[in-house]
mmCIF file of all heavy atoms, coordinates in Angstrom:
data_MODEL
# 
_entry.id   MODEL 
# 
loop_
_atom_site.group_PDB 
_atom_site.id 
_atom_site.type_symbol 
_atom_site.label_atom_id 
_atom_site.label_alt_id 
_atom_site.label_comp_id 
_atom_site.label_asym_id 
_atom_site.label_entity_id 
_atom_site.label_seq_id 
_atom_site.pdbx_PDB_ins_code 
_atom_site.Cartn_x 
_atom_site.Cartn_y 
_atom_site.Cartn_z 
_atom_site.occupancy 
_atom_site.B_iso_or_equiv 
_atom_site.pdbx_formal_charge 
_atom_site.auth_seq_id 
_atom_site.auth_comp_id 
_atom_site.auth_asym_id 
_atom_site.auth_atom_id 
_atom_site.pdbx_PDB_model_num 
ATOM 1   N N   . GLY A 1 1  ? 109.506 95.578  100.799 1.00 0.00 ? 1  GLY A N   1 
ATOM 2   C CA  . GLY A 1 1  ? 110.383 95.411  99.566  1.00 0.00 ? 1  GLY A CA  1 
ATOM 3   C C   . GLY A 1 1  ? 110.681 93.890  99.417  1.00 0.00 ? 1  GLY A C   1 
ATOM 4   O O   . GLY A 1 1  ? 109.834 93.145  99.724  1.00 0.00 ? 1  GLY A O   1 
ATOM 5   N N   . GLY A 1 2  ? 111.812 93.610  98.875  1.00 0.00 ? 2  GLY A N   1 
ATOM 6   C CA  . GLY A 1 2  ? 112.182 92.199  98.488  1.00 0.00 ? 2  GLY A CA  1 
ATOM 7   C C   . GLY A 1 2  ? 111.971 91.938  97.014  1.00 0.00 ? 2  GLY A C   1 
ATOM 8   O O   . GLY A 1 2  ? 111.517 92.811  96.143  1.00 0.00 ? 2  GLY A O   1 
ATOM 9   N N   . LYS A 1 3  ? 112.114 90.791  96.736  1.00 0.00 ? 3  LYS A N   1 
ATOM 10  C CA  . LYS A 1 3  ? 112.192 90.225  95.321  1.00 0.00 ? 3  LYS A CA  1 
ATOM 11  C C   . LYS A 1 3  ? 110.894 90.377  94.664  1.00 0.00 ? 3  LYS A C   1 
ATOM 12  O O   . LYS A 1 3  ? 110.678 90.556  93.492  1.00 0.00 ? 3  LYS A O   1 
ATOM 13  C CB  . LYS A 1 3  ? 112.684 88.849  95.215  1.00 0.00 ? 3  LYS A CB  1 
ATOM 14  C CG  . LYS A 1 3  ? 114.120 88.567  95.599  1.00 0.00 ? 3  LYS A CG  1 
ATOM 15  C CD  . LYS A 1 3  ? 114.478 87.146  95.378  1.00 0.00 ? 3  LYS A CD  1 
ATOM 16  C CE  . LYS A 1 3  ? 116.062 86.908  95.749  1.00 0.00 ? 3  LYS A CE  1 
ATOM 17  N NZ  . LYS A 1 3  ? 116.525 85.646  95.519  1.00 0.00 ? 3  LYS A NZ  1 
ATOM 18  N N   . ASP A 1 4  ? 109.797 90.373  95.425  1.00 0.00 ? 4  ASP A N   1 
ATOM 19  C CA  . ASP A 1 4  ? 108.341 90.399  94.893  1.00 0.00 ? 4  ASP A CA  1 
ATOM 20  C C   . ASP A 1 4  ? 107.975 92.029  94.696  1.00 0.00 ? 4  ASP A C   1 
ATOM 21  O O   . ASP A 1 4  ? 106.815 92.311  94.335  1.00 0.00 ? 4  ASP A O   1 
ATOM 22  C CB  . ASP A 1 4  ? 107.470 89.706  95.794  1.00 0.00 ? 4  ASP A CB  1 
ATOM 23  C CG  . ASP A 1 4  ? 107.632 88.265  95.714  1.00 0.00 ? 4  ASP A CG  1 
ATOM 24  O OD1 . ASP A 1 4  ? 108.082 87.712  94.738  1.00 0.00 ? 4  ASP A OD1 1 
ATOM 25  O OD2 . ASP A 1 4  ? 107.412 87.619  96.711  1.00 0.00 ? 4  ASP A OD2 1 
ATOM 26  N N   . HIS A 1 5  ? 108.857 92.912  95.045  1.00 0.00 ? 5  HIS A N   1 
ATOM 27  C CA  . HIS A 1 5  ? 108.586 94.327  95.115  1.00 0.00 ? 5  HIS A CA  1 
ATOM 28  C C   . HIS A 1 5  ? 109.077 94.881  93.788  1.00 0.00 ? 5  HIS A C   1 
ATOM 29  O O   . HIS A 1 5  ? 110.190 94.761  93.465  1.00 0.00 ? 5  HIS A O   1 
ATOM 30  C CB  . HIS A 1 5  ? 109.345 94.946  96.290  1.00 0.00 ? 5  HIS A CB  1 
ATOM 31  C CG  . HIS A 1 5  ? 108.837 96.419  96.410  1.00 0.00 ? 5  HIS A CG  1 
ATOM 32  N ND1 . HIS A 1 5  ? 107.572 96.826  96.873  1.00 0.00 ? 5  HIS A ND1 1 
ATOM 33  C CD2 . HIS A 1 5  ? 109.467 97.546  96.263  1.00 0.00 ? 5  HIS A CD2 1 
ATOM 34  C CE1 . HIS A 1 5  ? 107.491 98.160  96.820  1.00 0.00 ? 5  HIS A CE1 1 
ATOM 35  N NE2 . HIS A 1 5  ? 108.661 98.641  96.561  1.00 0.00 ? 5  HIS A NE2 1 
ATOM 36  N N   . HIS A 1 6  ? 108.103 95.445  92.944  1.00 0.00 ? 6  HIS A N   1 
ATOM 37  C CA  . HIS A 1 6  ? 108.566 95.884  91.644  1.00 0.00 ? 6  HIS A CA  1 
ATOM 38  C C   . HIS A 1 6  ? 108.304 97.395  91.431  1.00 0.00 ? 6  HIS A C   1 
ATOM 39  O O   . HIS A 1 6  ? 108.261 97.822  90.277  1.00 0.00 ? 6  HIS A O   1 
ATOM 40  C CB  . HIS A 1 6  ? 107.735 95.167  90.545  1.00 0.00 ? 6  HIS A CB  1 
ATOM 41  C CG  . HIS A 1 6  ? 107.903 93.630  90.629  1.00 0.00 ? 6  HIS A CG  1 
ATOM 42  N ND1 . HIS A 1 6  ? 109.064 93.026  90.344  1.00 0.00 ? 6  HIS A ND1 1 
ATOM 43  C CD2 . HIS A 1 6  ? 106.984 92.726  91.129  1.00 0.00 ? 6  HIS A CD2 1 
ATOM 44  C CE1 . HIS A 1 6  ? 108.931 91.633  90.529  1.00 0.00 ? 6  HIS A CE1 1 
ATOM 45  N NE2 . HIS A 1 6  ? 107.657 91.464  91.143  1.00 0.00 ? 6  HIS A NE2 1 
ATOM 46  N N   . CYS A 1 7  ? 108.195 98.196  92.550  1.00 0.00 ? 7  CYS A N   1 
ATOM 47  C CA  . CYS A 1 7  ? 107.914 99.571  92.325  1.00 0.00 ? 7  CYS A CA  1 
ATOM 48  C C   . CYS A 1 7  ? 108.759 100.306 93.416  1.00 0.00 ? 7  CYS A C   1 
ATOM 49  O O   . CYS A 1 7  ? 108.718 100.005 94.628  1.00 0.00 ? 7  CYS A O   1 
ATOM 50  C CB  . CYS A 1 7  ? 106.516 99.900  92.328  1.00 0.00 ? 7  CYS A CB  1 
ATOM 51  S SG  . CYS A 1 7  ? 106.046 101.562 92.219  1.00 0.00 ? 7  CYS A SG  1 
ATOM 52  N N   . GLY A 1 8  ? 109.379 101.462 93.002  1.00 0.00 ? 8  GLY A N   1 
ATOM 53  C CA  . GLY A 1 8  ? 109.933 102.315 93.971  1.00 0.00 ? 8  GLY A CA  1 
ATOM 54  C C   . GLY A 1 8  ? 111.288 101.922 94.373  1.00 0.00 ? 8  GLY A C   1 
ATOM 55  O O   . GLY A 1 8  ? 111.910 100.813 93.905  1.00 0.00 ? 8  GLY A O   1 
ATOM 56  N N   . THR A 1 9  ? 112.058 102.734 95.198  1.00 0.00 ? 9  THR A N   1 
ATOM 57  C CA  . THR A 1 9  ? 113.351 102.406 95.765  1.00 0.00 ? 9  THR A CA  1 
ATOM 58  C C   . THR A 1 9  ? 113.267 102.285 97.212  1.00 0.00 ? 9  THR A C   1 
ATOM 59  O O   . THR A 1 9  ? 112.406 103.002 97.877  1.00 0.00 ? 9  THR A O   1 
ATOM 60  C CB  . THR A 1 9  ? 114.363 103.598 95.452  1.00 0.00 ? 9  THR A CB  1 
ATOM 61  O OG1 . THR A 1 9  ? 113.783 104.768 95.856  1.00 0.00 ? 9  THR A OG1 1 
ATOM 62  C CG2 . THR A 1 9  ? 114.488 103.701 93.854  1.00 0.00 ? 9  THR A CG2 1 
ATOM 63  N N   . PRO A 1 10 ? 114.105 101.488 97.801  1.00 0.00 ? 10 PRO A N   1 
ATOM 64  C CA  . PRO A 1 10 ? 114.068 101.300 99.351  1.00 0.00 ? 10 PRO A CA  1 
ATOM 65  C C   . PRO A 1 10 ? 114.332 102.625 100.145 1.00 0.00 ? 10 PRO A C   1 
ATOM 66  O O   . PRO A 1 10 ? 115.219 103.317 99.726  1.00 0.00 ? 10 PRO A O   1 
ATOM 67  C CB  . PRO A 1 10 ? 115.152 100.203 99.580  1.00 0.00 ? 10 PRO A CB  1 
ATOM 68  C CG  . PRO A 1 10 ? 115.425 99.720  98.160  1.00 0.00 ? 10 PRO A CG  1 
ATOM 69  C CD  . PRO A 1 10 ? 115.120 100.548 97.221  1.00 0.00 ? 10 PRO A CD  1 
ATOM 70  N N   . GLN A 1 11 ? 113.441 102.830 101.043 1.00 0.00 ? 11 GLN A N   1 
ATOM 71  C CA  . GLN A 1 11 ? 113.705 103.978 101.940 1.00 0.00 ? 11 GLN A CA  1 
ATOM 72  C C   . GLN A 1 11 ? 114.899 103.744 102.626 1.00 0.00 ? 11 GLN A C   1 
ATOM 73  O O   . GLN A 1 11 ? 115.174 102.730 103.352 1.00 0.00 ? 11 GLN A O   1 
ATOM 74  C CB  . GLN A 1 11 ? 112.393 104.116 102.892 1.00 0.00 ? 11 GLN A CB  1 
ATOM 75  C CG  . GLN A 1 11 ? 112.539 105.352 103.775 1.00 0.00 ? 11 GLN A CG  1 
ATOM 76  C CD  . GLN A 1 11 ? 112.317 106.636 102.985 1.00 0.00 ? 11 GLN A CD  1 
ATOM 77  O OE1 . GLN A 1 11 ? 111.693 106.660 101.908 1.00 0.00 ? 11 GLN A OE1 1 
ATOM 78  N NE2 . GLN A 1 11 ? 112.783 107.774 103.600 1.00 0.00 ? 11 GLN A NE2 1 
ATOM 79  N N   . GLY A 1 12 ? 115.767 104.781 102.487 1.00 0.00 ? 12 GLY A N   1 
ATOM 80  C CA  . GLY A 1 12 ? 117.202 104.690 103.239 1.00 0.00 ? 12 GLY A CA  1 
ATOM 81  C C   . GLY A 1 12 ? 118.179 103.827 102.517 1.00 0.00 ? 12 GLY A C   1 
ATOM 82  O O   . GLY A 1 12 ? 119.261 103.673 102.998 1.00 0.00 ? 12 GLY A O   1 
ATOM 83  N N   . GLY A 1 13 ? 117.901 103.434 101.306 1.00 0.00 ? 13 GLY A N   1 
ATOM 84  C CA  . GLY A 1 13 ? 118.788 102.629 100.512 1.00 0.00 ? 13 GLY A CA  1 
ATOM 85  C C   . GLY A 1 13 ? 120.008 103.512 100.042 1.00 0.00 ? 13 GLY A C   1 
ATOM 86  O O   . GLY A 1 13 ? 119.907 104.658 99.923  1.00 0.00 ? 13 GLY A O   1 
ATOM 87  N N   . VAL A 1 14 ? 121.033 102.778 99.829  1.00 0.00 ? 14 VAL A N   1 
ATOM 88  C CA  . VAL A 1 14 ? 122.485 103.517 99.616  1.00 0.00 ? 14 VAL A CA  1 
ATOM 89  C C   . VAL A 1 14 ? 122.208 104.327 98.255  1.00 0.00 ? 14 VAL A C   1 
ATOM 90  O O   . VAL A 1 14 ? 122.695 105.451 98.263  1.00 0.00 ? 14 VAL A O   1 
ATOM 91  C CB  . VAL A 1 14 ? 123.598 102.457 99.490  1.00 0.00 ? 14 VAL A CB  1 
ATOM 92  C CG1 . VAL A 1 14 ? 124.788 103.168 99.084  1.00 0.00 ? 14 VAL A CG1 1 
ATOM 93  C CG2 . VAL A 1 14 ? 123.773 101.831 100.829 1.00 0.00 ? 14 VAL A CG2 1 
ATOM 94  N N   . VAL A 1 15 ? 121.562 103.733 97.242  1.00 0.00 ? 15 VAL A N   1 
ATOM 95  C CA  . VAL A 1 15 ? 121.628 104.408 96.013  1.00 0.00 ? 15 VAL A CA  1 
ATOM 96  C C   . VAL A 1 15 ? 120.192 105.103 95.640  1.00 0.00 ? 15 VAL A C   1 
ATOM 97  O O   . VAL A 1 15 ? 120.106 105.615 94.687  1.00 0.00 ? 15 VAL A O   1 
ATOM 98  C CB  . VAL A 1 15 ? 121.940 103.374 94.870  1.00 0.00 ? 15 VAL A CB  1 
ATOM 99  C CG1 . VAL A 1 15 ? 123.392 102.788 94.880  1.00 0.00 ? 15 VAL A CG1 1 
ATOM 100 C CG2 . VAL A 1 15 ? 120.922 102.238 94.775  1.00 0.00 ? 15 VAL A CG2 1 
ATOM 101 N N   . SER A 1 16 ? 119.336 105.014 96.684  1.00 0.00 ? 16 SER A N   1 
ATOM 102 C CA  . SER A 1 16 ? 118.044 105.489 96.257  1.00 0.00 ? 16 SER A CA  1 
ATOM 103 C C   . SER A 1 16 ? 118.021 107.115 96.064  1.00 0.00 ? 16 SER A C   1 
ATOM 104 O O   . SER A 1 16 ? 117.396 107.587 95.080  1.00 0.00 ? 16 SER A O   1 
ATOM 105 C CB  . SER A 1 16 ? 117.176 105.277 97.597  1.00 0.00 ? 16 SER A CB  1 
ATOM 106 O OG  . SER A 1 16 ? 116.749 103.989 97.785  1.00 0.00 ? 16 SER A OG  1 
ATOM 107 N N   . PRO A 1 17 ? 118.804 107.922 96.703  1.00 0.00 ? 17 PRO A N   1 
ATOM 108 C CA  . PRO A 1 17 ? 118.763 109.386 96.273  1.00 0.00 ? 17 PRO A CA  1 
ATOM 109 C C   . PRO A 1 17 ? 119.335 109.554 94.926  1.00 0.00 ? 17 PRO A C   1 
ATOM 110 O O   . PRO A 1 17 ? 118.848 110.383 94.087  1.00 0.00 ? 17 PRO A O   1 
ATOM 111 C CB  . PRO A 1 17 ? 119.754 109.913 97.321  1.00 0.00 ? 17 PRO A CB  1 
ATOM 112 C CG  . PRO A 1 17 ? 119.699 109.069 98.482  1.00 0.00 ? 17 PRO A CG  1 
ATOM 113 C CD  . PRO A 1 17 ? 119.584 107.680 97.957  1.00 0.00 ? 17 PRO A CD  1 
ATOM 114 N N   . MET A 1 18 ? 120.393 108.821 94.470  1.00 0.00 ? 18 MET A N   1 
ATOM 115 C CA  . MET A 1 18 ? 120.904 108.939 93.211  1.00 0.00 ? 18 MET A CA  1 
ATOM 116 C C   . MET A 1 18 ? 119.948 108.395 92.139  1.00 0.00 ? 18 MET A C   1 
ATOM 117 O O   . MET A 1 18 ? 119.707 109.109 91.055  1.00 0.00 ? 18 MET A O   1 
ATOM 118 C CB  . MET A 1 18 ? 122.241 108.111 93.144  1.00 0.00 ? 18 MET A CB  1 
ATOM 119 C CG  . MET A 1 18 ? 123.003 108.238 91.750  1.00 0.00 ? 18 MET A CG  1 
ATOM 120 S SD  . MET A 1 18 ? 122.302 107.069 90.490  1.00 0.00 ? 18 MET A SD  1 
ATOM 121 C CE  . MET A 1 18 ? 123.046 105.454 91.041  1.00 0.00 ? 18 MET A CE  1 
ATOM 122 N N   . LEU A 1 19 ? 119.260 107.292 92.319  1.00 0.00 ? 19 LEU A N   1 
ATOM 123 C CA  . LEU A 1 19 ? 118.282 106.780 91.413  1.00 0.00 ? 19 LEU A CA  1 
ATOM 124 C C   . LEU A 1 19 ? 117.001 107.780 91.313  1.00 0.00 ? 19 LEU A C   1 
ATOM 125 O O   . LEU A 1 19 ? 116.524 107.943 90.292  1.00 0.00 ? 19 LEU A O   1 
ATOM 126 C CB  . LEU A 1 19 ? 117.892 105.413 91.890  1.00 0.00 ? 19 LEU A CB  1 
ATOM 127 C CG  . LEU A 1 19 ? 118.882 104.301 91.803  1.00 0.00 ? 19 LEU A CG  1 
ATOM 128 C CD1 . LEU A 1 19 ? 118.358 103.000 92.357  1.00 0.00 ? 19 LEU A CD1 1 
ATOM 129 C CD2 . LEU A 1 19 ? 119.279 104.088 90.405  1.00 0.00 ? 19 LEU A CD2 1 
ATOM 130 N N   . ALA A 1 20 ? 116.730 108.385 92.424  1.00 0.00 ? 20 ALA A N   1 
ATOM 131 C CA  . ALA A 1 20 ? 115.546 109.337 92.519  1.00 0.00 ? 20 ALA A CA  1 
ATOM 132 C C   . ALA A 1 20 ? 115.953 110.503 91.554  1.00 0.00 ? 20 ALA A C   1 
ATOM 133 O O   . ALA A 1 20 ? 115.092 111.006 90.840  1.00 0.00 ? 20 ALA A O   1 
ATOM 134 C CB  . ALA A 1 20 ? 115.251 109.813 93.890  1.00 0.00 ? 20 ALA A CB  1 
ATOM 135 N N   . ASN A 1 21 ? 117.199 110.984 91.799  1.00 0.00 ? 21 ASN A N   1 
ATOM 136 C CA  . ASN A 1 21 ? 117.606 112.125 90.908  1.00 0.00 ? 21 ASN A CA  1 
ATOM 137 C C   . ASN A 1 21 ? 117.672 111.726 89.460  1.00 0.00 ? 21 ASN A C   1 
ATOM 138 O O   . ASN A 1 21 ? 117.372 112.499 88.518  1.00 0.00 ? 21 ASN A O   1 
ATOM 139 C CB  . ASN A 1 21 ? 119.071 112.551 91.334  1.00 0.00 ? 21 ASN A CB  1 
ATOM 140 C CG  . ASN A 1 21 ? 118.967 113.689 92.468  1.00 0.00 ? 21 ASN A CG  1 
ATOM 141 O OD1 . ASN A 1 21 ? 118.225 114.550 92.399  1.00 0.00 ? 21 ASN A OD1 1 
ATOM 142 N ND2 . ASN A 1 21 ? 119.818 113.428 93.439  1.00 0.00 ? 21 ASN A ND2 1 
ATOM 143 N N   . LEU A 1 22 ? 118.066 110.523 89.159  1.00 0.00 ? 22 LEU A N   1 
ATOM 144 C CA  . LEU A 1 22 ? 118.163 110.104 87.756  1.00 0.00 ? 22 LEU A CA  1 
ATOM 145 C C   . LEU A 1 22 ? 116.757 110.023 87.067  1.00 0.00 ? 22 LEU A C   1 
ATOM 146 O O   . LEU A 1 22 ? 116.634 110.466 85.968  1.00 0.00 ? 22 LEU A O   1 
ATOM 147 C CB  . LEU A 1 22 ? 118.799 108.715 87.755  1.00 0.00 ? 22 LEU A CB  1 
ATOM 148 C CG  . LEU A 1 22 ? 119.023 108.046 86.397  1.00 0.00 ? 22 LEU A CG  1 
ATOM 149 C CD1 . LEU A 1 22 ? 120.041 108.870 85.584  1.00 0.00 ? 22 LEU A CD1 1 
ATOM 150 C CD2 . LEU A 1 22 ? 119.673 106.745 86.557  1.00 0.00 ? 22 LEU A CD2 1 
ATOM 151 N N   . TYR A 1 23 ? 115.765 109.519 87.878  1.00 0.00 ? 23 TYR A N   1 
ATOM 152 C CA  . TYR A 1 23 ? 114.429 109.322 87.322  1.00 0.00 ? 23 TYR A CA  1 
ATOM 153 C C   . TYR A 1 23 ? 113.753 110.694 87.306  1.00 0.00 ? 23 TYR A C   1 
ATOM 154 O O   . TYR A 1 23 ? 113.149 110.946 86.376  1.00 0.00 ? 23 TYR A O   1 
ATOM 155 C CB  . TYR A 1 23 ? 113.648 108.383 88.257  1.00 0.00 ? 23 TYR A CB  1 
ATOM 156 C CG  . TYR A 1 23 ? 112.492 107.878 87.454  1.00 0.00 ? 23 TYR A CG  1 
ATOM 157 C CD1 . TYR A 1 23 ? 112.599 106.954 86.490  1.00 0.00 ? 23 TYR A CD1 1 
ATOM 158 C CD2 . TYR A 1 23 ? 111.139 108.147 87.835  1.00 0.00 ? 23 TYR A CD2 1 
ATOM 159 C CE1 . TYR A 1 23 ? 111.546 106.511 85.880  1.00 0.00 ? 23 TYR A CE1 1 
ATOM 160 C CE2 . TYR A 1 23 ? 110.023 107.679 87.154  1.00 0.00 ? 23 TYR A CE2 1 
ATOM 161 C CZ  . TYR A 1 23 ? 110.225 106.818 86.187  1.00 0.00 ? 23 TYR A CZ  1 
ATOM 162 O OH  . TYR A 1 23 ? 109.232 106.259 85.409  1.00 0.00 ? 23 TYR A OH  1 
ATOM 163 N N   . ILE A 1 24 ? 113.858 111.504 88.315  1.00 0.00 ? 24 ILE A N   1 
ATOM 164 C CA  . ILE A 1 24 ? 113.210 112.827 88.432  1.00 0.00 ? 24 ILE A CA  1 
ATOM 165 C C   . ILE A 1 24 ? 113.759 113.762 87.312  1.00 0.00 ? 24 ILE A C   1 
ATOM 166 O O   . ILE A 1 24 ? 113.142 114.779 86.807  1.00 0.00 ? 24 ILE A O   1 
ATOM 167 C CB  . ILE A 1 24 ? 113.266 113.489 89.712  1.00 0.00 ? 24 ILE A CB  1 
ATOM 168 C CG1 . ILE A 1 24 ? 111.886 114.383 89.935  1.00 0.00 ? 24 ILE A CG1 1 
ATOM 169 C CG2 . ILE A 1 24 ? 114.488 114.366 89.902  1.00 0.00 ? 24 ILE A CG2 1 
ATOM 170 C CD1 . ILE A 1 24 ? 110.691 113.659 90.055  1.00 0.00 ? 24 ILE A CD1 1 
ATOM 171 N N   . ASN A 1 25 ? 114.971 113.440 86.757  1.00 0.00 ? 25 ASN A N   1 
ATOM 172 C CA  . ASN A 1 25 ? 115.602 114.215 85.780  1.00 0.00 ? 25 ASN A CA  1 
ATOM 173 C C   . ASN A 1 25 ? 114.755 114.196 84.482  1.00 0.00 ? 25 ASN A C   1 
ATOM 174 O O   . ASN A 1 25 ? 114.910 115.197 83.685  1.00 0.00 ? 25 ASN A O   1 
ATOM 175 C CB  . ASN A 1 25 ? 117.035 113.687 85.384  1.00 0.00 ? 25 ASN A CB  1 
ATOM 176 C CG  . ASN A 1 25 ? 117.724 114.576 84.473  1.00 0.00 ? 25 ASN A CG  1 
ATOM 177 O OD1 . ASN A 1 25 ? 117.997 115.707 84.668  1.00 0.00 ? 25 ASN A OD1 1 
ATOM 178 N ND2 . ASN A 1 25 ? 118.171 113.983 83.245  1.00 0.00 ? 25 ASN A ND2 1 
ATOM 179 N N   . ARG A 1 26 ? 113.932 113.148 84.276  1.00 0.00 ? 26 ARG A N   1 
ATOM 180 C CA  . ARG A 1 26 ? 113.168 113.145 83.077  1.00 0.00 ? 26 ARG A CA  1 
ATOM 181 C C   . ARG A 1 26 ? 112.110 114.251 83.107  1.00 0.00 ? 26 ARG A C   1 
ATOM 182 O O   . ARG A 1 26 ? 111.674 114.881 82.122  1.00 0.00 ? 26 ARG A O   1 
ATOM 183 C CB  . ARG A 1 26 ? 112.438 111.867 82.982  1.00 0.00 ? 26 ARG A CB  1 
ATOM 184 C CG  . ARG A 1 26 ? 113.392 110.587 82.856  1.00 0.00 ? 26 ARG A CG  1 
ATOM 185 C CD  . ARG A 1 26 ? 112.608 109.250 82.788  1.00 0.00 ? 26 ARG A CD  1 
ATOM 186 N NE  . ARG A 1 26 ? 111.768 109.019 81.721  1.00 0.00 ? 26 ARG A NE  1 
ATOM 187 C CZ  . ARG A 1 26 ? 111.076 108.022 81.506  1.00 0.00 ? 26 ARG A CZ  1 
ATOM 188 N NH1 . ARG A 1 26 ? 110.974 107.019 82.410  1.00 0.00 ? 26 ARG A NH1 1 
ATOM 189 N NH2 . ARG A 1 26 ? 110.241 107.840 80.470  1.00 0.00 ? 26 ARG A NH2 1 
ATOM 190 N N   . LEU A 1 27 ? 111.628 114.597 84.386  1.00 0.00 ? 27 LEU A N   1 
ATOM 191 C CA  . LEU A 1 27 ? 110.557 115.611 84.607  1.00 0.00 ? 27 LEU A CA  1 
ATOM 192 C C   . LEU A 1 27 ? 111.330 116.964 84.250  1.00 0.00 ? 27 LEU A C   1 
ATOM 193 O O   . LEU A 1 27 ? 110.788 117.829 83.619  1.00 0.00 ? 27 LEU A O   1 
ATOM 194 C CB  . LEU A 1 27 ? 110.114 115.635 85.954  1.00 0.00 ? 27 LEU A CB  1 
ATOM 195 C CG  . LEU A 1 27 ? 109.334 116.830 86.455  1.00 0.00 ? 27 LEU A CG  1 
ATOM 196 C CD1 . LEU A 1 27 ? 107.955 116.952 85.731  1.00 0.00 ? 27 LEU A CD1 1 
ATOM 197 C CD2 . LEU A 1 27 ? 109.084 116.842 87.961  1.00 0.00 ? 27 LEU A CD2 1 
ATOM 198 N N   . LEU A 1 28 ? 112.535 117.095 84.834  1.00 0.00 ? 28 LEU A N   1 
ATOM 199 C CA  . LEU A 1 28 ? 113.203 118.465 84.702  1.00 0.00 ? 28 LEU A CA  1 
ATOM 200 C C   . LEU A 1 28 ? 113.733 118.592 83.202  1.00 0.00 ? 28 LEU A C   1 
ATOM 201 O O   . LEU A 1 28 ? 113.698 119.830 82.775  1.00 0.00 ? 28 LEU A O   1 
ATOM 202 C CB  . LEU A 1 28 ? 114.407 118.440 85.640  1.00 0.00 ? 28 LEU A CB  1 
ATOM 203 C CG  . LEU A 1 28 ? 114.149 118.165 87.137  1.00 0.00 ? 28 LEU A CG  1 
ATOM 204 C CD1 . LEU A 1 28 ? 115.485 118.064 87.898  1.00 0.00 ? 28 LEU A CD1 1 
ATOM 205 C CD2 . LEU A 1 28 ? 113.286 119.272 87.598  1.00 0.00 ? 28 LEU A CD2 1 
# 
């Protein structure tokens, strides 16, 4: 990851599950 990383959410990140739910909601 880091500043040069422009894709995905950090594995184990604090808000990663929430952001994943927010994004996958478009599919649902």
